[in-house]
Protein backbone atom coordinates (compact mmCIF):
# COMPACT_ATOMS: atom_id res chain seq x y z
CA UNK A 1 24.62 14.06 13.10
CA UNK A 2 27.66 14.22 10.78
CA UNK A 3 27.87 16.55 7.77
CA UNK A 4 27.46 13.59 5.42
CA UNK A 5 24.40 12.42 7.34
CA UNK A 6 22.84 15.88 7.28
CA UNK A 7 23.35 16.11 3.51
CA UNK A 8 21.76 12.70 3.01
CA UNK A 9 18.78 13.66 5.17
CA UNK A 10 18.29 16.92 3.25
CA UNK A 11 18.35 15.04 -0.07
CA UNK A 12 15.82 12.55 1.29
CA UNK A 13 13.46 15.34 2.44
CA UNK A 14 13.74 17.07 -0.95
CA UNK A 15 12.84 13.84 -2.75
CA UNK A 16 10.12 13.01 -0.21
CA UNK A 17 8.37 16.33 -0.81
CA UNK A 18 8.28 15.72 -4.55
CA UNK A 19 7.06 12.15 -4.18
CA UNK A 20 4.37 13.25 -1.74
CA UNK A 21 3.07 15.83 -4.21
CA UNK A 22 2.96 13.21 -6.95
CA UNK A 23 1.16 10.78 -4.64
CA UNK A 24 -1.52 13.37 -3.86
CA UNK A 25 -2.20 13.80 -7.57
CA UNK A 26 -2.40 10.04 -8.13
CA UNK A 27 -4.74 9.64 -5.16
CA UNK A 28 -7.05 12.33 -6.54
CA UNK A 29 -7.33 10.46 -9.83
CA UNK A 30 -7.81 7.09 -8.13
CA UNK A 31 -10.60 8.44 -5.90
CA UNK A 32 -12.39 10.16 -8.79
CA UNK A 33 -12.12 7.18 -11.14
CA UNK A 34 -13.37 4.80 -8.44
CA UNK A 35 -16.45 6.93 -7.80
CA UNK A 36 -17.16 7.28 -11.52
CA UNK A 37 -16.84 3.56 -12.29
CA UNK A 38 -18.99 2.38 -9.38
CA UNK A 39 -21.70 5.00 -9.94
CA UNK A 40 -21.88 4.13 -13.65
CA UNK A 41 -21.85 0.34 -13.24
CA UNK A 42 -22.97 -0.43 -9.64
CA UNK A 43 -20.57 -3.40 -9.87
CA UNK A 44 -18.17 -4.37 -7.08
CA UNK A 45 -16.57 -6.83 -9.50
CA UNK A 46 -15.60 -4.10 -12.01
CA UNK A 47 -14.21 -1.96 -9.20
CA UNK A 48 -12.18 -4.97 -8.03
CA UNK A 49 -10.99 -5.53 -11.62
CA UNK A 50 -9.47 -2.05 -11.71
CA UNK A 51 -7.73 -2.67 -8.38
CA UNK A 52 -6.50 -6.01 -9.73
CA UNK A 53 -5.07 -4.28 -12.81
CA UNK A 54 -3.30 -1.79 -10.57
CA UNK A 55 -1.58 -4.48 -8.48
CA UNK A 56 -0.94 -7.70 -10.43
CA UNK A 57 1.66 -6.41 -12.95
CA UNK A 58 3.76 -4.94 -10.13
CA UNK A 59 3.82 -8.28 -8.33
CA UNK A 60 4.77 -10.20 -11.47
CA UNK A 61 7.57 -7.83 -12.53
CA UNK A 62 8.96 -7.15 -9.04
CA UNK A 63 11.67 -9.88 -8.88
CA UNK A 64 13.36 -8.78 -12.13
CA UNK A 65 12.84 -5.11 -11.24
CA UNK A 66 14.60 -5.65 -7.90
CA UNK A 67 17.70 -7.09 -9.55
CA UNK A 68 17.83 -4.16 -11.97
CA UNK A 69 17.46 -1.75 -9.05
CA UNK A 70 20.65 -3.26 -7.57
CA UNK A 71 22.42 -3.11 -10.96
CA UNK A 72 21.38 0.38 -12.03
CA UNK A 73 21.66 3.79 -10.30
CA UNK A 74 18.65 3.94 -8.01
CA UNK A 75 17.94 7.61 -8.75
CA UNK A 76 17.55 6.87 -12.48
CA UNK A 77 15.36 3.87 -11.73
CA UNK A 78 13.01 6.18 -9.81
CA UNK A 79 13.06 8.71 -12.66
CA UNK A 80 12.30 5.98 -15.19
CA UNK A 81 9.40 4.59 -13.16
CA UNK A 82 7.86 7.98 -12.40
CA UNK A 83 8.10 8.95 -16.08
CA UNK A 84 6.33 5.76 -17.16
CA UNK A 85 3.54 6.27 -14.63
CA UNK A 86 3.14 9.83 -15.88
CA UNK A 87 2.67 8.61 -19.44
CA UNK A 88 -0.15 6.27 -18.36
CA UNK A 89 -1.91 9.21 -16.69
CA UNK A 90 -1.49 11.24 -19.86
CA UNK A 91 -3.08 8.41 -21.88
CA UNK A 92 -6.16 8.42 -19.62
CA UNK A 93 -6.39 12.20 -19.98
CA UNK A 94 -6.28 12.04 -23.79
CA UNK A 95 -8.97 9.34 -23.95
CA UNK A 96 -11.15 11.29 -21.53
CA UNK A 97 -10.83 14.53 -23.51
CA UNK A 98 -11.71 12.58 -26.66
CA UNK A 99 -14.82 11.17 -24.95
CA UNK A 100 -13.68 7.57 -25.46
CA UNK A 101 -12.61 6.51 -21.95
CA UNK A 102 -13.93 3.05 -21.00
CA UNK A 103 -13.38 0.79 -18.00
CA UNK A 104 -10.98 -1.41 -19.98
CA UNK A 105 -8.88 1.67 -20.82
CA UNK A 106 -8.59 2.41 -17.10
CA UNK A 107 -7.56 -1.20 -16.46
CA UNK A 108 -4.79 -1.05 -19.08
CA UNK A 109 -3.48 2.31 -17.87
CA UNK A 110 -3.55 1.05 -14.27
CA UNK A 111 -1.61 -2.06 -15.32
CA UNK A 112 1.06 0.01 -17.07
CA UNK A 113 1.43 2.29 -14.06
CA UNK A 114 1.62 -0.77 -11.80
CA UNK A 115 4.43 -2.21 -13.91
CA UNK A 116 6.51 0.92 -13.46
CA UNK A 117 5.79 1.01 -9.72
CA UNK A 118 7.51 -2.40 -9.48
CA UNK A 119 10.75 -0.47 -10.06
CA UNK A 120 9.88 2.61 -8.02
CA UNK A 121 9.02 0.98 -4.69
CA UNK A 122 12.22 -1.08 -4.11
CA UNK A 123 14.36 1.75 -5.50
CA UNK A 124 12.77 4.28 -3.11
CA UNK A 125 13.18 1.94 -0.13
CA UNK A 126 16.80 1.09 -0.96
CA UNK A 127 17.63 4.75 -1.65
CA UNK A 128 16.23 5.71 1.75
CA UNK A 129 18.62 3.27 3.43
CA UNK A 130 21.52 4.85 1.51
CA UNK A 131 20.59 8.44 2.33
CA UNK A 132 19.29 8.29 5.90
CA UNK A 133 21.40 7.46 9.01
CA UNK A 134 20.48 4.16 10.65
CA UNK A 135 19.09 5.80 13.80
CA UNK A 136 16.65 7.86 11.73
CA UNK A 137 15.34 5.14 9.43
CA UNK A 138 12.14 4.81 11.46
CA UNK A 139 11.47 8.53 11.16
CA UNK A 140 12.21 8.53 7.43
CA UNK A 141 9.87 5.57 6.88
CA UNK A 142 7.32 7.38 9.03
CA UNK A 143 7.65 10.42 6.76
CA UNK A 144 6.89 8.24 3.75
CA UNK A 145 3.79 7.00 5.56
CA UNK A 146 3.00 10.64 6.42
CA UNK A 147 2.97 11.48 2.72
CA UNK A 148 0.44 8.71 2.18
CA UNK A 149 -1.61 10.07 5.08
CA UNK A 150 -1.70 13.56 3.56
CA UNK A 151 -2.80 12.07 0.24
CA UNK A 152 -5.43 9.95 1.97
CA UNK A 153 -6.76 13.02 3.78
CA UNK A 154 -6.75 15.45 0.88
CA UNK A 155 -7.84 13.22 -2.01
CA UNK A 156 -11.49 12.69 -0.93
CA UNK A 157 -11.93 16.30 0.19
CA UNK A 158 -10.39 17.81 -2.92
CA UNK A 159 -11.66 14.99 -5.15
CA UNK A 160 -15.29 15.56 -4.22
CA UNK A 161 -14.94 19.32 -4.70
CA UNK A 162 -12.98 19.09 -7.94
CA UNK A 163 -15.36 16.54 -9.47
CA UNK A 164 -18.07 19.20 -9.23
CA UNK A 165 -15.93 22.16 -10.34
CA UNK A 166 -13.33 21.01 -12.88
CA UNK A 167 -14.64 17.45 -13.35
CA UNK A 168 -12.56 14.35 -14.00
CA UNK A 169 -10.63 15.96 -16.85
CA UNK A 170 -9.26 18.66 -14.56
CA UNK A 171 -8.35 16.15 -11.85
CA UNK A 172 -6.29 14.05 -14.27
CA UNK A 173 -4.54 17.19 -15.52
CA UNK A 174 -3.60 18.03 -11.91
CA UNK A 175 -2.29 14.48 -11.52
CA UNK A 176 0.00 14.94 -14.53
CA UNK A 177 1.30 18.26 -13.19
CA UNK A 178 2.09 16.72 -9.81
CA UNK A 179 4.06 14.03 -11.65
CA UNK A 180 6.37 16.82 -12.84
CA UNK A 181 6.60 18.08 -9.25
CA UNK A 182 7.76 14.62 -8.17
CA UNK A 183 10.34 14.02 -10.88
CA UNK A 184 12.15 17.39 -10.72
CA UNK A 185 13.90 16.71 -7.36
CA UNK A 186 15.18 13.39 -8.73
CA UNK A 187 16.72 15.19 -11.71
CA UNK A 188 18.51 17.71 -9.46
CA UNK A 189 20.18 15.48 -6.83
CA UNK A 190 22.63 12.59 -6.70
CA UNK A 191 22.53 9.43 -4.60
CA UNK A 192 25.54 7.74 -2.99
CA UNK A 193 26.39 4.35 -4.45
CA UNK A 194 25.98 1.25 -2.24
CA UNK A 195 29.12 -0.52 -1.08
CA UNK A 196 29.53 -4.24 -1.69
CA UNK A 197 29.42 -6.12 1.61
CA UNK A 198 30.93 -9.45 2.55
CA UNK A 199 27.54 -10.43 4.01
CA UNK A 200 25.81 -10.01 0.65
CA UNK A 201 28.59 -11.83 -1.23
CA UNK A 202 28.37 -14.81 1.04
CA UNK A 203 24.60 -15.02 0.56
CA UNK A 204 24.15 -14.22 -3.14
CA UNK A 205 25.09 -15.77 -6.43
CA UNK A 206 27.49 -14.30 -8.97
CA UNK A 207 26.00 -11.73 -11.31
CA UNK A 208 26.31 -13.94 -14.38
CA UNK A 209 22.64 -14.84 -14.58
CA UNK A 210 19.57 -12.69 -14.14
CA UNK A 211 17.62 -15.71 -12.91
CA UNK A 212 20.29 -16.50 -10.33
CA UNK A 213 20.17 -12.94 -9.07
CA UNK A 214 16.37 -13.07 -8.81
CA UNK A 215 16.47 -16.30 -6.81
CA UNK A 216 19.28 -14.96 -4.61
CA UNK A 217 16.83 -12.39 -3.21
CA UNK A 218 14.48 -15.19 -2.20
CA UNK A 219 17.39 -17.24 -0.79
CA UNK A 220 18.48 -14.27 1.33
CA UNK A 221 15.08 -14.27 3.03
CA UNK A 222 14.55 -18.02 3.36
CA UNK A 223 17.82 -18.66 5.21
CA UNK A 224 16.63 -16.18 7.85
CA UNK A 225 13.48 -17.69 9.44
CA UNK A 226 12.59 -14.46 11.24
CA UNK A 227 12.44 -12.48 7.98
CA UNK A 228 10.60 -15.30 6.25
CA UNK A 229 8.05 -15.43 9.09
CA UNK A 230 7.58 -11.66 8.91
CA UNK A 231 7.07 -11.89 5.15
CA UNK A 232 4.46 -14.65 5.48
CA UNK A 233 2.66 -12.74 8.24
CA UNK A 234 2.53 -9.61 6.11
CA UNK A 235 1.36 -11.56 3.05
CA UNK A 236 -1.62 -13.10 4.86
CA UNK A 237 -2.46 -9.73 6.40
CA UNK A 238 -2.42 -8.10 2.95
CA UNK A 239 -4.81 -10.74 1.63
CA UNK A 240 -7.36 -9.82 4.29
CA UNK A 241 -6.79 -6.06 4.01
CA UNK A 242 -7.05 -6.26 0.20
CA UNK A 243 -10.51 -7.79 0.49
CA UNK A 244 -11.53 -4.99 2.85
CA UNK A 245 -10.21 -2.40 0.38
CA UNK A 246 -12.51 -3.74 -2.32
CA UNK A 247 -15.54 -3.92 -0.05
CA UNK A 248 -15.49 -0.74 1.99
CA UNK A 249 -16.63 1.71 -0.73
CA UNK A 250 -19.61 -0.38 -1.87
CA UNK A 251 -20.50 -0.97 1.80
CA UNK A 252 -20.71 2.76 2.54
CA UNK A 253 -22.38 3.63 -0.78
CA UNK A 254 -25.09 1.06 -0.02
CA UNK A 255 -26.53 3.40 2.62
CA UNK A 256 -24.78 6.77 2.20
CA UNK A 257 -23.87 9.27 -0.52
CA UNK A 258 -20.47 9.75 -2.19
CA UNK A 259 -20.10 12.95 -0.16
CA UNK A 260 -20.44 10.95 3.07
CA UNK A 261 -17.92 8.43 1.72
CA UNK A 262 -15.53 11.29 1.06
CA UNK A 263 -15.96 12.58 4.61
CA UNK A 264 -15.37 9.13 6.07
CA UNK A 265 -12.30 8.65 3.88
CA UNK A 266 -11.01 11.99 5.15
CA UNK A 267 -11.33 10.81 8.76
CA UNK A 268 -9.43 7.69 7.78
CA UNK A 269 -6.81 10.02 6.32
CA UNK A 270 -6.68 11.97 9.59
CA UNK A 271 -5.98 8.70 11.40
CA UNK A 272 -3.26 7.83 8.90
CA UNK A 273 -1.82 11.33 9.25
CA UNK A 274 -1.82 11.14 13.06
CA UNK A 275 -0.10 7.75 13.13
CA UNK A 276 2.43 8.92 10.54
CA UNK A 277 3.19 12.10 12.49
CA UNK A 278 3.82 10.10 15.65
CA UNK A 279 6.20 7.62 14.02
CA UNK A 280 8.02 10.30 11.96
CA UNK A 281 8.57 12.69 14.90
CA UNK A 282 9.02 10.34 17.85
CA UNK A 283 10.54 7.40 16.01
CA UNK A 284 9.64 3.77 16.40
CA UNK A 285 9.31 1.81 19.64
CA UNK A 286 12.23 -0.16 21.04
CA UNK A 287 10.56 -3.47 20.11
CA UNK A 288 9.38 -3.00 16.55
CA UNK A 289 7.86 -6.47 16.18
CA UNK A 290 5.55 -5.91 19.14
CA UNK A 291 4.03 -2.90 17.37
CA UNK A 292 3.67 -4.92 14.16
CA UNK A 293 1.62 -7.62 15.87
CA UNK A 294 -0.20 -5.27 18.25
CA UNK A 295 -1.47 -2.91 15.56
CA UNK A 296 -2.43 -5.86 13.39
CA UNK A 297 -4.60 -7.04 16.27
CA UNK A 298 -6.17 -3.57 16.55
CA UNK A 299 -6.81 -3.55 12.80
CA UNK A 300 -8.67 -6.86 12.99
CA UNK A 301 -11.01 -5.55 15.67
CA UNK A 302 -11.64 -2.39 13.61
CA UNK A 303 -12.61 -4.46 10.54
CA UNK A 304 -15.09 -6.46 12.65
CA UNK A 305 -16.63 -3.25 14.03
CA UNK A 306 -17.00 -1.77 10.52
CA UNK A 307 -19.13 -4.73 9.45
CA UNK A 308 -21.50 -4.78 12.43
CA UNK A 309 -23.84 -1.92 11.53
CA UNK A 310 -24.69 0.38 8.62
CA UNK A 311 -23.60 3.29 10.79
CA UNK A 312 -21.59 6.26 9.60
CA UNK A 313 -20.15 7.12 13.08
CA UNK A 314 -19.22 3.48 13.82
CA UNK A 315 -17.48 2.86 10.48
CA UNK A 316 -15.79 6.26 10.65
CA UNK A 317 -14.36 5.47 14.10
CA UNK A 318 -13.21 2.04 12.94
CA UNK A 319 -11.55 3.55 9.85
CA UNK A 320 -9.79 6.21 11.94
CA UNK A 321 -8.33 3.66 14.38
CA UNK A 322 -7.39 1.21 11.63
CA UNK A 323 -5.50 3.83 9.63
CA UNK A 324 -3.92 5.28 12.77
CA UNK A 325 -2.11 1.98 13.32
CA UNK A 326 -1.41 1.19 9.68
CA UNK A 327 1.57 3.58 9.11
CA UNK A 328 3.17 2.53 12.41
CA UNK A 329 2.83 -1.14 11.47
CA UNK A 330 4.22 -0.58 7.95
CA UNK A 331 7.09 1.56 9.21
CA UNK A 332 8.13 -1.06 11.75
CA UNK A 333 8.12 -3.82 9.11
CA UNK A 334 10.10 -1.62 6.72
CA UNK A 335 12.75 -0.70 9.30
CA UNK A 336 13.25 -4.33 10.36
CA UNK A 337 14.02 -5.24 6.74
CA UNK A 338 16.21 -2.17 6.22
CA UNK A 339 18.31 -3.00 9.27
CA UNK A 340 18.61 -6.73 8.62
CA UNK A 341 19.24 -6.77 4.84
CA UNK A 342 22.61 -5.83 3.29
CA UNK A 343 22.42 -2.53 1.40
CA UNK A 344 23.73 -3.75 -1.95
CA UNK A 345 21.07 -6.49 -2.23
CA UNK A 346 18.16 -4.52 -0.81
CA UNK A 347 16.71 -3.89 -4.28
CA UNK A 348 16.19 -7.58 -5.05
CA UNK A 349 15.23 -8.53 -1.48
CA UNK A 350 12.70 -5.70 -1.20
CA UNK A 351 11.34 -6.61 -4.63
CA UNK A 352 10.88 -10.26 -3.60
CA UNK A 353 9.18 -9.04 -0.43
CA UNK A 354 6.96 -6.79 -2.55
CA UNK A 355 6.12 -9.59 -4.98
CA UNK A 356 5.21 -12.16 -2.31
CA UNK A 357 3.38 -9.77 0.03
CA UNK A 358 1.57 -7.88 -2.72
CA UNK A 359 0.61 -11.02 -4.64
CA UNK A 360 -2.13 -11.46 -2.05
CA UNK A 361 -3.78 -8.20 -3.16
CA UNK A 362 -4.67 -9.42 -6.69
CA UNK A 363 -6.01 -12.63 -5.16
CA UNK A 364 -8.13 -10.63 -2.74
CA UNK A 365 -9.38 -8.32 -5.52
CA UNK A 366 -10.20 -11.29 -7.75
CA UNK A 367 -12.32 -13.14 -5.17
CA UNK A 368 -13.81 -10.38 -2.98
CA UNK A 369 -15.99 -8.78 -5.66
CA UNK A 370 -17.60 -11.99 -6.97
CA UNK A 371 -18.05 -13.30 -3.41
CA UNK A 372 -19.89 -10.11 -2.48
CA UNK A 373 -22.02 -9.91 -5.63
CA UNK A 374 -22.87 -13.60 -6.07
CA UNK A 375 -22.86 -15.14 -2.58
CA UNK A 376 -22.85 -12.89 0.48
CA UNK A 377 -25.18 -10.13 -0.71
CA UNK A 378 -27.89 -12.66 -1.79
CA UNK A 379 -27.51 -14.41 1.57
CA UNK A 380 -28.40 -11.19 3.42
CA UNK A 381 -31.35 -9.84 1.42
CA UNK A 382 -34.64 -9.36 3.26
CA UNK A 383 -35.80 -12.92 2.69
CA UNK A 384 -32.37 -14.46 2.18
CA UNK A 385 -31.08 -17.69 3.77
CA UNK A 386 -29.34 -15.85 6.63
CA UNK A 387 -31.93 -13.12 7.17
CA UNK A 388 -33.55 -14.94 10.09
CA UNK A 389 -30.27 -15.73 11.88
CA UNK A 390 -27.28 -13.46 11.33
CA UNK A 391 -29.57 -10.88 9.77
CA UNK A 392 -31.25 -10.42 13.15
CA UNK A 393 -27.89 -9.23 14.52
CA UNK A 394 -26.30 -7.18 11.73
CA UNK A 395 -29.38 -6.33 9.67
CA UNK A 396 -30.52 -7.24 6.16
CA UNK A 397 -30.65 -5.51 2.80
CA UNK A 398 -28.07 -3.89 0.51
CA UNK A 399 -24.57 -3.91 1.96
CA UNK A 400 -25.26 -6.37 4.77
CA UNK A 401 -23.64 -9.26 2.91
CA UNK A 402 -20.53 -7.11 2.60
CA UNK A 403 -20.82 -6.35 6.32
CA UNK A 404 -20.78 -10.08 7.07
CA UNK A 405 -17.68 -10.49 4.91
CA UNK A 406 -15.93 -7.74 6.88
CA UNK A 407 -16.76 -9.42 10.18
CA UNK A 408 -15.23 -12.67 8.93
CA UNK A 409 -12.15 -10.88 7.54
CA UNK A 410 -11.64 -9.02 10.80
CA UNK A 411 -11.90 -12.20 12.88
CA UNK A 412 -9.32 -13.90 10.66
CA UNK A 413 -7.01 -10.89 11.02
CA UNK A 414 -7.16 -11.19 14.81
CA UNK A 415 -6.37 -14.92 14.62
CA UNK A 416 -3.37 -14.28 12.33
CA UNK A 417 -1.95 -11.73 14.80
CA UNK A 418 -2.32 -14.16 17.71
CA UNK A 419 -0.72 -17.01 15.73
CA UNK A 420 2.19 -14.78 14.66
CA UNK A 421 3.08 -13.97 18.26
CA UNK A 422 3.29 -17.68 19.04
CA UNK A 423 6.09 -18.22 16.47
CA UNK A 424 9.43 -17.63 18.28
CA UNK A 425 11.52 -16.84 15.17
CA UNK A 426 9.16 -13.99 14.28
CA UNK A 427 8.70 -12.75 17.82
CA UNK A 428 12.50 -12.67 18.38
CA UNK A 429 13.57 -11.54 14.88
CA UNK A 430 15.16 -8.34 16.19
CA UNK A 431 17.32 -10.25 18.70
CA UNK A 432 18.31 -13.24 16.59
CA UNK A 433 19.32 -11.38 13.41
CA UNK A 434 22.18 -8.84 13.60
CA UNK A 435 21.89 -5.38 12.08
CA UNK A 436 23.90 -5.13 8.86
CA UNK A 437 24.03 -1.33 8.52
């Protein structure tokens, strides 16, 4: 590795450590707020509303944010977005200390934080491509997934303990302090500036119009069927996974305590940590797209298994395997885009990818809660319409309607993975599109 490459890798690791610390603090707050809201309201719909608030603004703002990421220094974009997210956390803390925190306050604060994350995510991804040598992009992306795995592992363990000891007020204070831990490295380092490439100039519009620049990110993807197919595949997958994200906590809490939920979430975090460690230390496989489709297939089977029985060991095993594959799948998708998209337009292209793929999450959050509360749960009560048929297989009572929804979501996930492999442009995306870095 050259001296320049080593310097870039050291800067990336410095930033990564700060961002991981900030993510742990945010995960602690998210876990604690989710437990508090569901225990106080017993409403899947309200829990889904908070998740919707935390995702929709990011999707709506992403296209404009991506263009600004390409226009502005990416380090300052990350500083700006982290600072904004920190202010939203501070607002929650002040309301909580004043004894006035309501669900709608949490929704607004989540929406504000989501808006700032629309800038942070494409800036972080594009900055990684600038800093890290091409041959180590898979490991760097794996390290980012590793940070999420550490947060996933620690947040339920620490969150459950801290809720008892320092309560929600203390957890939110920790979150704000970890925000400072994340922003300091960004203030101390400098990023290299992206070079303008002939590839990007031939595929994008002149920078005279913000709207033209936004649409140029979409055009960049659509003229490359392999990238478009990968984007559509990931979007549909996110729709199904988003529904599962809404449903899994109420499913477990229907037959187990919050402490058990925390333990199960920790095992999911161990799976995420293990998968992240593998991809960050060993690198990605030679055929990235095969891992994308293969681990999506595994994830579908895990979702089906989680819905079959109200069983702590069974759901824990399914969660471990699902989250083991998730960072490998995400890393492979990320590296394909990083290698195939010109550096100076990665901000807008990654933002368009974020907008389209993540737009499925708000849709999932909006429909999963009402479907569970109003349709599937009533179907699976003791004397419900499906109690004598499907109920004989998966059981009846609280949570069994959600279990049925998971089985259906998992089956659809498997079908999407099989269909994706049948599309040649997606299956051969690594061969048909040249690397541009």
